[in-house]
Every structure is written in C-alpha cells, then in structure tokens.
C-alpha cells in the first residue's frame, strides 16, 4: 500500500521534506509516488507526511 494526497491539499510543502523515500513531489497539489512510498515502514512508527499535514488530506491509498 501507499499513501495518497487528496484534492484538499493546500500545497504548503510540510510533507515534502518529511518523506524518507522522497516519494512526494510538487504539482498543482503534492502527489505521492505509490511505487516508492512505503508508508514509512522501516523508518518511523507512522507515516510522517500524515503527522505533519495541517489539513489532514493524506490517507492510505485504496
């Protein structure tokens, strides 16, 4: 699985530097590459992007 950024993203950039696999990139909103996102497993106890997002727009991809 991977994390996904919803359209509610305000492009604040808080998540960009928190990703240990550099899976987040800029666009109109930020996006997460599902091929490289590991939900921070092996790095942290929880996805760091979720913990820093001020608008709670990052969820597990279904």
C-alpha atoms as a PDB file:
ATOM      1  CA  UNK A   1       0.000   0.000   0.000  1.00  0.00           C
ATOM      2  CA  UNK A   2       0.901   3.640  -0.282  1.00  0.00           C
ATOM      3  CA  UNK A   3      -0.275   6.972   0.980  1.00  0.00           C
ATOM      4  CA  UNK A   4      -2.275   9.354  -1.219  1.00  0.00           C
ATOM      5  CA  UNK A   5      -2.782  13.120  -1.058  1.00  0.00           C
ATOM      6  CA  UNK A   6      -6.367  14.250  -1.591  1.00  0.00           C
ATOM      7  CA  UNK A   7      -7.555  17.293  -3.530  1.00  0.00           C
ATOM      8  CA  UNK A   8      -7.874  19.192  -0.222  1.00  0.00           C
ATOM      9  CA  UNK A   9      -4.087  19.695  -0.326  1.00  0.00           C
ATOM     10  CA  UNK A  10      -3.097  23.345   0.090  1.00  0.00           C
ATOM     11  CA  UNK A  11       0.430  22.736  -1.268  1.00  0.00           C
ATOM     12  CA  UNK A  12       2.050  24.024   1.917  1.00  0.00           C
ATOM     13  CA  UNK A  13       5.062  21.730   1.476  1.00  0.00           C
ATOM     14  CA  UNK A  14       5.139  20.460   5.062  1.00  0.00           C
ATOM     15  CA  UNK A  15       5.171  16.839   3.918  1.00  0.00           C
ATOM     16  CA  UNK A  16       7.813  17.212   1.222  1.00  0.00           C
ATOM     17  CA  UNK A  17      10.890  17.128   3.456  1.00  0.00           C
ATOM     18  CA  UNK A  18       9.435  14.557   5.881  1.00  0.00           C
ATOM     19  CA  UNK A  19       9.345  11.660   3.388  1.00  0.00           C
ATOM     20  CA  UNK A  20      12.291   9.284   3.938  1.00  0.00           C
ATOM     21  CA  UNK A  21      11.918   7.766   0.444  1.00  0.00           C
ATOM     22  CA  UNK A  22      11.479  11.105  -1.354  1.00  0.00           C
ATOM     23  CA  UNK A  23       8.174   9.853  -2.779  1.00  0.00           C
ATOM     24  CA  UNK A  24       6.417  13.223  -2.594  1.00  0.00           C
ATOM     25  CA  UNK A  25       6.646  15.708  -5.446  1.00  0.00           C
ATOM     26  CA  UNK A  26       5.148  19.055  -6.366  1.00  0.00           C
ATOM     27  CA  UNK A  27       2.353  19.618  -8.848  1.00  0.00           C
ATOM     28  CA  UNK A  28      -0.837  21.667  -8.612  1.00  0.00           C
ATOM     29  CA  UNK A  29      -1.076  19.792  -5.338  1.00  0.00           C
ATOM     30  CA  UNK A  30       1.552  17.486  -3.918  1.00  0.00           C
ATOM     31  CA  UNK A  31       1.485  13.869  -5.062  1.00  0.00           C
ATOM     32  CA  UNK A  32       2.917  10.650  -3.648  1.00  0.00           C
ATOM     33  CA  UNK A  33       4.529   8.079  -5.922  1.00  0.00           C
ATOM     34  CA  UNK A  34       2.843   4.773  -4.996  1.00  0.00           C
ATOM     35  CA  UNK A  35       5.772   2.809  -6.425  1.00  0.00           C
ATOM     36  CA  UNK A  36       8.228   4.184  -3.868  1.00  0.00           C
ATOM     37  CA  UNK A  37       6.013   5.034  -0.862  1.00  0.00           C
ATOM     38  CA  UNK A  38       6.483   2.519   1.954  1.00  0.00           C
ATOM     39  CA  UNK A  39       4.224   4.309   4.476  1.00  0.00           C
ATOM     40  CA  UNK A  40       7.444   4.987   6.419  1.00  0.00           C
ATOM     41  CA  UNK A  41       7.739   1.299   7.388  1.00  0.00           C
ATOM     42  CA  UNK A  42      11.287   0.619   8.486  1.00  0.00           C
ATOM     43  CA  UNK A  43      11.854   4.343   9.062  1.00  0.00           C
ATOM     44  CA  UNK A  44       9.186   5.567  11.517  1.00  0.00           C
ATOM     45  CA  UNK A  45       6.248   4.192  13.516  1.00  0.00           C
ATOM     46  CA  UNK A  46       3.714   6.091  11.389  1.00  0.00           C
ATOM     47  CA  UNK A  47       3.676   7.920   8.052  1.00  0.00           C
ATOM     48  CA  UNK A  48       5.446  11.220   8.656  1.00  0.00           C
ATOM     49  CA  UNK A  49       3.502  13.025   5.935  1.00  0.00           C
ATOM     50  CA  UNK A  50       0.266  12.349   7.818  1.00  0.00           C
ATOM     51  CA  UNK A  51       1.679  13.619  11.103  1.00  0.00           C
ATOM     52  CA  UNK A  52       2.729  16.997   9.657  1.00  0.00           C
ATOM     53  CA  UNK A  53      -0.193  17.690   7.288  1.00  0.00           C
ATOM     54  CA  UNK A  54      -2.115  20.736   8.587  1.00  0.00           C
ATOM     55  CA  UNK A  55      -5.292  19.898   6.624  1.00  0.00           C
ATOM     56  CA  UNK A  56      -5.380  16.119   7.183  1.00  0.00           C
ATOM     57  CA  UNK A  57      -5.551  15.352   3.469  1.00  0.00           C
ATOM     58  CA  UNK A  58      -3.211  12.341   3.354  1.00  0.00           C
ATOM     59  CA  UNK A  59      -4.806   8.903   3.519  1.00  0.00           C
ATOM     60  CA  UNK A  60      -3.950   5.281   2.703  1.00  0.00           C
ATOM     61  CA  UNK A  61      -4.496   4.535  -0.961  1.00  0.00           C
ATOM     62  CA  UNK A  62      -7.290   2.035  -1.540  1.00  0.00           C
END
